[in-house]
Amino acid sequence: MFETSRGEVSSSRVRQINTPRFILVQEREDKAPLLLEYEGIKYKISNIEDYWLVKDRWWTDNPIYRSYYRVTTVGQDIFVIYKDLVTNIWYKINWY
């Protein structure tokens, strides 16, 4: 039998990874992101690397309808962001 060197695992130490964070986004005329603001810093988007649309849970009271973007900024930061098309609010998922 193996013994663990760690103490008991507490649920208070468990956290979700890549929790969506609210961001401000300036959109182009076609509704794609042009500029985003995260933690008070503005990032100009130089390229949209990928785009996908997610429609899920349409049969529930809380449908998921989102447009996702993987973007590169002028400073070469890479963000994965999405716009909740139900609420029209933008979120950041990842930042590289």
PDB file of N, CA and C in Angstrom:
ATOM      1  N   MET A   1       0.833  -1.183   0.000  1.00  0.00           N
ATOM      2  CA  MET A   1       0.000   0.000   0.000  1.00  0.00           C
ATOM      3  C   MET A   1       0.877   1.245   0.000  1.00  0.00           C
ATOM      4  N   PHE A   2       0.452   2.258  -0.752  1.00  0.00           N
ATOM      5  CA  PHE A   2       1.212   3.492  -0.850  1.00  0.00           C
ATOM      6  C   PHE A   2       0.719   4.500   0.170  1.00  0.00           C
ATOM      7  N   GLU A   3       1.639   5.262   0.690  1.00  0.00           N
ATOM      8  CA  GLU A   3       1.281   6.346   1.597  1.00  0.00           C
ATOM      9  C   GLU A   3       1.530   7.658   0.885  1.00  0.00           C
ATOM     10  N   THR A   4       0.691   8.626   1.144  1.00  0.00           N
ATOM     11  CA  THR A   4       0.855   9.935   0.527  1.00  0.00           C
ATOM     12  C   THR A   4       1.570  10.869   1.490  1.00  0.00           C
ATOM     13  N   SER A   5       2.408  11.707   0.936  1.00  0.00           N
ATOM     14  CA  SER A   5       3.118  12.684   1.761  1.00  0.00           C
ATOM     15  C   SER A   5       2.313  13.956   1.950  1.00  0.00           C
ATOM     16  N   ARG A   6       1.237  14.060   1.207  1.00  0.00           N
ATOM     17  CA  ARG A   6       0.391  15.244   1.303  1.00  0.00           C
ATOM     18  C   ARG A   6      -0.672  15.045   2.366  1.00  0.00           C
ATOM     19  N   GLY A   7      -1.184  16.170   2.805  1.00  0.00           N
ATOM     20  CA  GLY A   7      -2.297  16.137   3.742  1.00  0.00           C
ATOM     21  C   GLY A   7      -3.590  15.897   2.995  1.00  0.00           C
ATOM     22  N   GLU A   8      -4.663  16.034   3.709  1.00  0.00           N
ATOM     23  CA  GLU A   8      -5.982  15.843   3.125  1.00  0.00           C
ATOM     24  C   GLU A   8      -6.259  16.940   2.095  1.00  0.00           C
ATOM     25  N   VAL A   9      -6.875  16.566   0.996  1.00  0.00           N
ATOM     26  CA  VAL A   9      -7.201  17.529  -0.059  1.00  0.00           C
ATOM     27  C   VAL A   9      -8.473  18.260   0.332  1.00  0.00           C
ATOM     28  N   SER A  10      -8.397  19.580   0.266  1.00  0.00           N
ATOM     29  CA  SER A  10      -9.536  20.417   0.623  1.00  0.00           C
ATOM     30  C   SER A  10     -10.155  20.997  -0.641  1.00  0.00           C
ATOM     31  N   SER A  11     -11.485  21.043  -0.695  1.00  0.00           N
ATOM     32  CA  SER A  11     -12.140  21.621  -1.868  1.00  0.00           C
ATOM     33  C   SER A  11     -11.882  23.115  -1.985  1.00  0.00           C
ATOM     34  N   SER A  12     -11.463  23.767  -0.914  1.00  0.00           N
ATOM     35  CA  SER A  12     -11.162  25.202  -0.981  1.00  0.00           C
ATOM     36  C   SER A  12      -9.883  25.458  -1.781  1.00  0.00           C
ATOM     37  N   ARG A  13      -9.086  24.420  -2.006  1.00  0.00           N
ATOM     38  CA  ARG A  13      -7.857  24.559  -2.778  1.00  0.00           C
ATOM     39  C   ARG A  13      -8.080  24.261  -4.252  1.00  0.00           C
ATOM     40  N   VAL A  14      -9.255  23.806  -4.596  1.00  0.00           N
ATOM     41  CA  VAL A  14      -9.578  23.487  -5.984  1.00  0.00           C
ATOM     42  C   VAL A  14     -10.062  24.755  -6.673  1.00  0.00           C
ATOM     43  N   ARG A  15      -9.543  25.015  -7.862  1.00  0.00           N
ATOM     44  CA  ARG A  15      -9.977  26.188  -8.609  1.00  0.00           C
ATOM     45  C   ARG A  15     -10.114  25.831 -10.073  1.00  0.00           C
ATOM     46  N   GLN A  16     -10.984  26.529 -10.723  1.00  0.00           N
ATOM     47  CA  GLN A  16     -11.211  26.298 -12.145  1.00  0.00           C
ATOM     48  C   GLN A  16     -10.093  26.942 -12.945  1.00  0.00           C
ATOM     49  N   ILE A  17      -9.641  26.238 -13.957  1.00  0.00           N
ATOM     50  CA  ILE A  17      -8.590  26.755 -14.837  1.00  0.00           C
ATOM     51  C   ILE A  17      -9.252  27.461 -16.020  1.00  0.00           C
ATOM     52  N   ASN A  18      -8.650  28.553 -16.451  1.00  0.00           N
ATOM     53  CA  ASN A  18      -9.134  29.329 -17.593  1.00  0.00           C
ATOM     54  C   ASN A  18     -10.559  29.840 -17.399  1.00  0.00           C
ATOM     55  N   THR A  19     -10.823  30.354 -16.213  1.00  0.00           N
ATOM     56  CA  THR A  19     -12.117  30.952 -15.940  1.00  0.00           C
ATOM     57  C   THR A  19     -12.279  32.178 -16.831  1.00  0.00           C
ATOM     58  N   PRO A  20     -13.385  32.297 -17.549  1.00  0.00           N
ATOM     59  CA  PRO A  20     -13.579  33.479 -18.394  1.00  0.00           C
ATOM     60  C   PRO A  20     -13.539  34.770 -17.571  1.00  0.00           C
ATOM     61  N   ARG A  21     -12.845  35.771 -18.084  1.00  0.00           N
ATOM     62  CA  ARG A  21     -12.725  37.083 -17.445  1.00  0.00           C
ATOM     63  C   ARG A  21     -13.343  38.136 -18.357  1.00  0.00           C
ATOM     64  N   PHE A  22     -14.131  39.001 -17.778  1.00  0.00           N
ATOM     65  CA  PHE A  22     -14.765  40.086 -18.522  1.00  0.00           C
ATOM     66  C   PHE A  22     -13.700  41.004 -19.109  1.00  0.00           C
ATOM     67  N   ILE A  23     -13.869  41.382 -20.376  1.00  0.00           N
ATOM     68  CA  ILE A  23     -12.976  42.337 -21.033  1.00  0.00           C
ATOM     69  C   ILE A  23     -13.816  43.334 -21.823  1.00  0.00           C
ATOM     70  N   LEU A  24     -13.211  44.467 -22.118  1.00  0.00           N
ATOM     71  CA  LEU A  24     -13.829  45.463 -22.994  1.00  0.00           C
ATOM     72  C   LEU A  24     -13.253  45.270 -24.390  1.00  0.00           C
ATOM     73  N   VAL A  25     -14.106  45.326 -25.393  1.00  0.00           N
ATOM     74  CA  VAL A  25     -13.662  45.129 -26.774  1.00  0.00           C
ATOM     75  C   VAL A  25     -14.280  46.196 -27.660  1.00  0.00           C
ATOM     76  N   GLN A  26     -13.433  46.798 -28.485  1.00  0.00           N
ATOM     77  CA  GLN A  26     -13.918  47.684 -29.540  1.00  0.00           C
ATOM     78  C   GLN A  26     -14.048  46.820 -30.790  1.00  0.00           C
ATOM     79  N   GLU A  27     -15.209  46.852 -31.416  1.00  0.00           N
ATOM     80  CA  GLU A  27     -15.486  46.001 -32.563  1.00  0.00           C
ATOM     81  C   GLU A  27     -15.349  46.751 -33.880  1.00  0.00           C
ATOM     82  N   ARG A  28     -15.022  46.003 -34.909  1.00  0.00           N
ATOM     83  CA  ARG A  28     -15.048  46.544 -36.267  1.00  0.00           C
ATOM     84  C   ARG A  28     -16.499  46.602 -36.724  1.00  0.00           C
ATOM     85  N   GLU A  29     -16.738  47.123 -37.912  1.00  0.00           N
ATOM     86  CA  GLU A  29     -18.098  47.195 -38.454  1.00  0.00           C
ATOM     87  C   GLU A  29     -18.731  45.813 -38.615  1.00  0.00           C
ATOM     88  N   ASP A  30     -17.906  44.799 -38.887  1.00  0.00           N
ATOM     89  CA  ASP A  30     -18.427  43.441 -39.060  1.00  0.00           C
ATOM     90  C   ASP A  30     -18.541  42.679 -37.731  1.00  0.00           C
ATOM     91  N   LYS A  31     -18.372  43.394 -36.617  1.00  0.00           N
ATOM     92  CA  LYS A  31     -18.510  42.868 -35.250  1.00  0.00           C
ATOM     93  C   LYS A  31     -17.318  42.044 -34.771  1.00  0.00           C
ATOM     94  N   ALA A  32     -16.282  41.894 -35.594  1.00  0.00           N
ATOM     95  CA  ALA A  32     -15.058  41.212 -35.166  1.00  0.00           C
ATOM     96  C   ALA A  32     -14.271  42.153 -34.243  1.00  0.00           C
ATOM     97  N   PRO A  33     -13.453  41.609 -33.343  1.00  0.00           N
ATOM     98  CA  PRO A  33     -12.704  42.459 -32.413  1.00  0.00           C
ATOM     99  C   PRO A  33     -11.591  43.252 -33.108  1.00  0.00           C
ATOM    100  N   LEU A  34     -11.447  44.495 -32.697  1.00  0.00           N
ATOM    101  CA  LEU A  34     -10.406  45.378 -33.229  1.00  0.00           C
ATOM    102  C   LEU A  34      -9.378  45.717 -32.150  1.00  0.00           C
ATOM    103  N   LEU A  35      -9.863  45.951 -30.938  1.00  0.00           N
ATOM    104  CA  LEU A  35      -9.025  46.351 -29.816  1.00  0.00           C
ATOM    105  C   LEU A  35      -9.654  45.760 -28.560  1.00  0.00           C
ATOM    106  N   LEU A  36      -8.808  45.247 -27.660  1.00  0.00           N
ATOM    107  CA  LEU A  36      -9.351  44.743 -26.406  1.00  0.00           C
ATOM    108  C   LEU A  36      -8.622  45.381 -25.236  1.00  0.00           C
ATOM    109  N   GLU A  37      -9.339  45.484 -24.129  1.00  0.00           N
ATOM    110  CA  GLU A  37      -8.765  46.039 -22.901  1.00  0.00           C
ATOM    111  C   GLU A  37      -8.903  44.998 -21.804  1.00  0.00           C
ATOM    112  N   TYR A  38      -7.746  44.637 -21.222  1.00  0.00           N
ATOM    113  CA  TYR A  38      -7.713  43.642 -20.151  1.00  0.00           C
ATOM    114  C   TYR A  38      -6.807  44.153 -19.040  1.00  0.00           C
ATOM    115  N   GLU A  39      -7.323  44.166 -17.835  1.00  0.00           N
ATOM    116  CA  GLU A  39      -6.611  44.659 -16.647  1.00  0.00           C
ATOM    117  C   GLU A  39      -6.040  46.060 -16.874  1.00  0.00           C
ATOM    118  N   GLY A  40      -6.819  46.909 -17.526  1.00  0.00           N
ATOM    119  CA  GLY A  40      -6.445  48.302 -17.732  1.00  0.00           C
ATOM    120  C   GLY A  40      -5.470  48.551 -18.868  1.00  0.00           C
ATOM    121  N   ILE A  41      -5.066  47.507 -19.568  1.00  0.00           N
ATOM    122  CA  ILE A  41      -4.122  47.642 -20.682  1.00  0.00           C
ATOM    123  C   ILE A  41      -4.868  47.400 -21.982  1.00  0.00           C
ATOM    124  N   LYS A  42      -4.651  48.279 -22.965  1.00  0.00           N
ATOM    125  CA  LYS A  42      -5.294  48.143 -24.269  1.00  0.00           C
ATOM    126  C   LYS A  42      -4.359  47.415 -25.226  1.00  0.00           C
ATOM    127  N   TYR A  43      -4.917  46.472 -25.957  1.00  0.00           N
ATOM    128  CA  TYR A  43      -4.179  45.660 -26.923  1.00  0.00           C
ATOM    129  C   TYR A  43      -4.839  45.809 -28.288  1.00  0.00           C
ATOM    130  N   LYS A  44      -4.086  46.302 -29.256  1.00  0.00           N
ATOM    131  CA  LYS A  44      -4.600  46.411 -30.629  1.00  0.00           C
ATOM    132  C   LYS A  44      -4.417  45.063 -31.313  1.00  0.00           C
ATOM    133  N   ILE A  45      -5.490  44.565 -31.895  1.00  0.00           N
ATOM    134  CA  ILE A  45      -5.459  43.264 -32.548  1.00  0.00           C
ATOM    135  C   ILE A  45      -4.911  43.423 -33.961  1.00  0.00           C
ATOM    136  N   SER A  46      -3.875  42.659 -34.262  1.00  0.00           N
ATOM    137  CA  SER A  46      -3.267  42.737 -35.595  1.00  0.00           C
ATOM    138  C   SER A  46      -3.768  41.639 -36.516  1.00  0.00           C
ATOM    139  N   ASN A  47      -4.205  40.499 -35.941  1.00  0.00           N
ATOM    140  CA  ASN A  47      -4.636  39.399 -36.790  1.00  0.00           C
ATOM    141  C   ASN A  47      -5.625  38.499 -36.053  1.00  0.00           C
ATOM    142  N   ILE A  48      -6.635  38.062 -36.749  1.00  0.00           N
ATOM    143  CA  ILE A  48      -7.554  37.048 -36.221  1.00  0.00           C
ATOM    144  C   ILE A  48      -7.069  35.715 -36.776  1.00  0.00           C
ATOM    145  N   GLU A  49      -6.524  34.883 -35.882  1.00  0.00           N
ATOM    146  CA  GLU A  49      -5.932  33.605 -36.290  1.00  0.00           C
ATOM    147  C   GLU A  49      -6.988  32.526 -36.526  1.00  0.00           C
ATOM    148  N   ASP A  50      -8.055  32.576 -35.731  1.00  0.00           N
ATOM    149  CA  ASP A  50      -9.084  31.550 -35.845  1.00  0.00           C
ATOM    150  C   ASP A  50     -10.407  32.113 -35.354  1.00  0.00           C
ATOM    151  N   TYR A  51     -11.484  31.550 -35.867  1.00  0.00           N
ATOM    152  CA  TYR A  51     -12.833  31.965 -35.476  1.00  0.00           C
ATOM    153  C   TYR A  51     -13.724  30.732 -35.481  1.00  0.00           C
ATOM    154  N   TRP A  52     -14.566  30.607 -34.474  1.00  0.00           N
ATOM    155  CA  TRP A  52     -15.562  29.540 -34.481  1.00  0.00           C
ATOM    156  C   TRP A  52     -16.789  29.984 -33.705  1.00  0.00           C
ATOM    157  N   LEU A  53     -17.900  29.402 -34.068  1.00  0.00           N
ATOM    158  CA  LEU A  53     -19.188  29.740 -33.475  1.00  0.00           C
ATOM    159  C   LEU A  53     -19.685  28.521 -32.709  1.00  0.00           C
ATOM    160  N   VAL A  54     -20.180  28.755 -31.490  1.00  0.00           N
ATOM    161  CA  VAL A  54     -20.711  27.672 -30.663  1.00  0.00           C
ATOM    162  C   VAL A  54     -22.168  27.963 -30.356  1.00  0.00           C
ATOM    163  N   LYS A  55     -23.017  27.015 -30.746  1.00  0.00           N
ATOM    164  CA  LYS A  55     -24.441  27.060 -30.405  1.00  0.00           C
ATOM    165  C   LYS A  55     -24.735  25.763 -29.673  1.00  0.00           C
ATOM    166  N   ASP A  56     -25.098  25.876 -28.407  1.00  0.00           N
ATOM    167  CA  ASP A  56     -25.326  24.687 -27.601  1.00  0.00           C
ATOM    168  C   ASP A  56     -26.403  24.974 -26.566  1.00  0.00           C
ATOM    169  N   ARG A  57     -26.957  23.943 -26.025  1.00  0.00           N
ATOM    170  CA  ARG A  57     -27.983  24.030 -24.990  1.00  0.00           C
ATOM    171  C   ARG A  57     -29.170  24.881 -25.429  1.00  0.00           C
ATOM    172  N   TRP A  58     -29.454  24.906 -26.725  1.00  0.00           N
ATOM    173  CA  TRP A  58     -30.549  25.714 -27.261  1.00  0.00           C
ATOM    174  C   TRP A  58     -31.899  25.259 -26.725  1.00  0.00           C
ATOM    175  N   TRP A  59     -31.975  24.056 -26.234  1.00  0.00           N
ATOM    176  CA  TRP A  59     -33.232  23.518 -25.718  1.00  0.00           C
ATOM    177  C   TRP A  59     -33.481  23.888 -24.250  1.00  0.00           C
ATOM    178  N   THR A  60     -32.532  24.596 -23.614  1.00  0.00           N
ATOM    179  CA  THR A  60     -32.653  24.945 -22.198  1.00  0.00           C
ATOM    180  C   THR A  60     -33.039  26.416 -22.026  1.00  0.00           C
ATOM    181  N   ASP A  61     -33.223  26.811 -20.766  1.00  0.00           N
ATOM    182  CA  ASP A  61     -33.487  28.217 -20.444  1.00  0.00           C
ATOM    183  C   ASP A  61     -32.215  29.061 -20.522  1.00  0.00           C
ATOM    184  N   ASN A  62     -31.045  28.420 -20.571  1.00  0.00           N
ATOM    185  CA  ASN A  62     -29.758  29.121 -20.637  1.00  0.00           C
ATOM    186  C   ASN A  62     -28.948  28.638 -21.835  1.00  0.00           C
ATOM    187  N   PRO A  63     -29.349  29.017 -23.035  1.00  0.00           N
ATOM    188  CA  PRO A  63     -28.605  28.555 -24.215  1.00  0.00           C
ATOM    189  C   PRO A  63     -27.216  29.187 -24.268  1.00  0.00           C
ATOM    190  N   ILE A  64     -26.319  28.494 -24.941  1.00  0.00           N
ATOM    191  CA  ILE A  64     -24.969  29.002 -25.175  1.00  0.00           C
ATOM    192  C   ILE A  64     -24.876  29.355 -26.650  1.00  0.00           C
ATOM    193  N   TYR A  65     -24.585  30.608 -26.925  1.00  0.00           N
ATOM    194  CA  TYR A  65     -24.440  31.097 -28.289  1.00  0.00           C
ATOM    195  C   TYR A  65     -23.276  32.086 -28.266  1.00  0.00           C
ATOM    196  N   ARG A  66     -22.122  31.654 -28.740  1.00  0.00           N
ATOM    197  CA  ARG A  66     -20.896  32.452 -28.611  1.00  0.00           C
ATOM    198  C   ARG A  66     -20.085  32.449 -29.898  1.00  0.00           C
ATOM    199  N   SER A  67     -19.402  33.565 -30.130  1.00  0.00           N
ATOM    200  CA  SER A  67     -18.423  33.627 -31.219  1.00  0.00           C
ATOM    201  C   SER A  67     -17.039  33.735 -30.583  1.00  0.00           C
ATOM    202  N   TYR A  68     -16.202  32.759 -30.888  1.00  0.00           N
ATOM    203  CA  TYR A  68     -14.854  32.672 -30.334  1.00  0.00           C
ATOM    204  C   TYR A  68     -13.831  33.163 -31.344  1.00  0.00           C
ATOM    205  N   TYR A  69     -12.760  33.777 -30.825  1.00  0.00           N
ATOM    206  CA  TYR A  69     -11.669  34.261 -31.661  1.00  0.00           C
ATOM    207  C   TYR A  69     -10.338  33.949 -30.988  1.00  0.00           C
ATOM    208  N   ARG A  70      -9.374  33.496 -31.771  1.00  0.00           N
ATOM    209  CA  ARG A  70      -7.982  33.455 -31.312  1.00  0.00           C
ATOM    210  C   ARG A  70      -7.290  34.570 -32.078  1.00  0.00           C
ATOM    211  N   VAL A  71      -6.807  35.566 -31.340  1.00  0.00           N
ATOM    212  CA  VAL A  71      -6.255  36.767 -31.961  1.00  0.00           C
ATOM    213  C   VAL A  71      -4.815  36.989 -31.535  1.00  0.00           C
ATOM    214  N   THR A  72      -4.082  37.664 -32.402  1.00  0.00           N
ATOM    215  CA  THR A  72      -2.725  38.107 -32.103  1.00  0.00           C
ATOM    216  C   THR A  72      -2.743  39.624 -32.041  1.00  0.00           C
ATOM    217  N   THR A  73      -2.052  40.171 -31.044  1.00  0.00           N
ATOM    218  CA  THR A  73      -1.994  41.622 -30.899  1.00  0.00           C
ATOM    219  C   THR A  73      -0.738  42.166 -31.577  1.00  0.00           C
ATOM    220  N   VAL A  74      -0.672  43.484 -31.671  1.00  0.00           N
ATOM    221  CA  VAL A  74       0.499  44.149 -32.251  1.00  0.00           C
ATOM    222  C   VAL A  74       1.763  43.756 -31.479  1.00  0.00           C
ATOM    223  N   GLY A  75       1.642  43.583 -30.164  1.00  0.00           N
ATOM    224  CA  GLY A  75       2.783  43.187 -29.327  1.00  0.00           C
ATOM    225  C   GLY A  75       3.043  41.695 -29.302  1.00  0.00           C
ATOM    226  N   GLN A  76       2.384  40.931 -30.185  1.00  0.00           N
ATOM    227  CA  GLN A  76       2.540  39.487 -30.330  1.00  0.00           C
ATOM    228  C   GLN A  76       1.951  38.666 -29.172  1.00  0.00           C
ATOM    229  N   ASP A  77       1.070  39.279 -28.382  1.00  0.00           N
ATOM    230  CA  ASP A  77       0.322  38.507 -27.392  1.00  0.00           C
ATOM    231  C   ASP A  77      -0.757  37.730 -28.135  1.00  0.00           C
ATOM    232  N   ILE A  78      -1.095  36.556 -27.642  1.00  0.00           N
ATOM    233  CA  ILE A  78      -2.162  35.751 -28.225  1.00  0.00           C
ATOM    234  C   ILE A  78      -3.262  35.607 -27.176  1.00  0.00           C
ATOM    235  N   PHE A  79      -4.466  35.957 -27.568  1.00  0.00           N
ATOM    236  CA  PHE A  79      -5.631  35.848 -26.693  1.00  0.00           C
ATOM    237  C   PHE A  79      -6.653  34.920 -27.330  1.00  0.00           C
ATOM    238  N   VAL A  80      -7.350  34.170 -26.500  1.00  0.00           N
ATOM    239  CA  VAL A  80      -8.559  33.471 -26.928  1.00  0.00           C
ATOM    240  C   VAL A  80      -9.699  34.180 -26.206  1.00  0.00           C
ATOM    241  N   ILE A  81     -10.587  34.779 -26.995  1.00  0.00           N
ATOM    242  CA  ILE A  81     -11.680  35.575 -26.442  1.00  0.00           C
ATOM    243  C   ILE A  81     -12.988  35.116 -27.068  1.00  0.00           C
ATOM    244  N   TYR A  82     -14.077  35.461 -26.417  1.00  0.00           N
ATOM    245  CA  TYR A  82     -15.369  35.178 -27.036  1.00  0.00           C
ATOM    246  C   TYR A  82     -16.381  36.238 -26.666  1.00  0.00           C
ATOM    247  N   LYS A  83     -17.364  36.372 -27.539  1.00  0.00           N
ATOM    248  CA  LYS A  83     -18.491  37.261 -27.289  1.00  0.00           C
ATOM    249  C   LYS A  83     -19.708  36.386 -27.044  1.00  0.00           C
ATOM    250  N   ASP A  84     -20.333  36.578 -25.893  1.00  0.00           N
ATOM    251  CA  ASP A  84     -21.584  35.894 -25.596  1.00  0.00           C
ATOM    252  C   ASP A  84     -22.657  36.597 -26.424  1.00  0.00           C
ATOM    253  N   LEU A  85     -23.193  35.921 -27.409  1.00  0.00           N
ATOM    254  CA  LEU A  85     -24.145  36.536 -28.323  1.00  0.00           C
ATOM    255  C   LEU A  85     -25.550  36.641 -27.739  1.00  0.00           C
ATOM    256  N   VAL A  86     -25.745  36.091 -26.555  1.00  0.00           N
ATOM    257  CA  VAL A  86     -27.019  36.257 -25.848  1.00  0.00           C
ATOM    258  C   VAL A  86     -26.996  37.564 -25.061  1.00  0.00           C
ATOM    259  N   THR A  87     -25.848  37.828 -24.374  1.00  0.00           N
ATOM    260  CA  THR A  87     -25.732  39.023 -23.528  1.00  0.00           C
ATOM    261  C   THR A  87     -24.928  40.151 -24.179  1.00  0.00           C
ATOM    262  N   ASN A  88     -24.223  39.859 -25.283  1.00  0.00           N
ATOM    263  CA  ASN A  88     -23.322  40.814 -25.956  1.00  0.00           C
ATOM    264  C   ASN A  88     -22.169  41.262 -25.069  1.00  0.00           C
ATOM    265  N   ILE A  89     -21.684  40.373 -24.216  1.00  0.00           N
ATOM    266  CA  ILE A  89     -20.545  40.663 -23.343  1.00  0.00           C
ATOM    267  C   ILE A  89     -19.349  39.845 -23.817  1.00  0.00           C
ATOM    268  N   TRP A  90     -18.170  40.490 -23.810  1.00  0.00           N
ATOM    269  CA  TRP A  90     -16.921  39.846 -24.219  1.00  0.00           C
ATOM    270  C   TRP A  90     -16.184  39.280 -23.018  1.00  0.00           C
ATOM    271  N   TYR A  91     -15.486  38.151 -23.240  1.00  0.00           N
ATOM    272  CA  TYR A  91     -14.705  37.486 -22.198  1.00  0.00           C
ATOM    273  C   TYR A  91     -13.367  37.016 -22.766  1.00  0.00           C
ATOM    274  N   LYS A  92     -12.370  36.942 -21.902  1.00  0.00           N
ATOM    275  CA  LYS A  92     -11.067  36.367 -22.226  1.00  0.00           C
ATOM    276  C   LYS A  92     -10.998  34.995 -21.580  1.00  0.00           C
ATOM    277  N   ILE A  93     -10.528  33.998 -22.321  1.00  0.00           N
ATOM    278  CA  ILE A  93     -10.335  32.669 -21.751  1.00  0.00           C
ATOM    279  C   ILE A  93      -8.852  32.424 -21.514  1.00  0.00           C
ATOM    280  N   ASN A  94      -8.027  32.577 -22.547  1.00  0.00           N
ATOM    281  CA  ASN A  94      -6.592  32.339 -22.442  1.00  0.00           C
ATOM    282  C   ASN A  94      -5.808  33.544 -22.927  1.00  0.00           C
ATOM    283  N   TRP A  95      -4.577  33.614 -22.449  1.00  0.00           N
ATOM    284  CA  TRP A  95      -3.657  34.678 -22.852  1.00  0.00           C
ATOM    285  C   TRP A  95      -2.267  34.077 -22.848  1.00  0.00           C
ATOM    286  N   TYR A  96      -1.587  34.134 -23.993  1.00  0.00           N
ATOM    287  CA  TYR A  96      -0.248  33.547 -24.111  1.00  0.00           C
ATOM    288  C   TYR A  96       0.779  34.616 -24.323  1.00  0.00           C
TER     289      TYR A  96
END
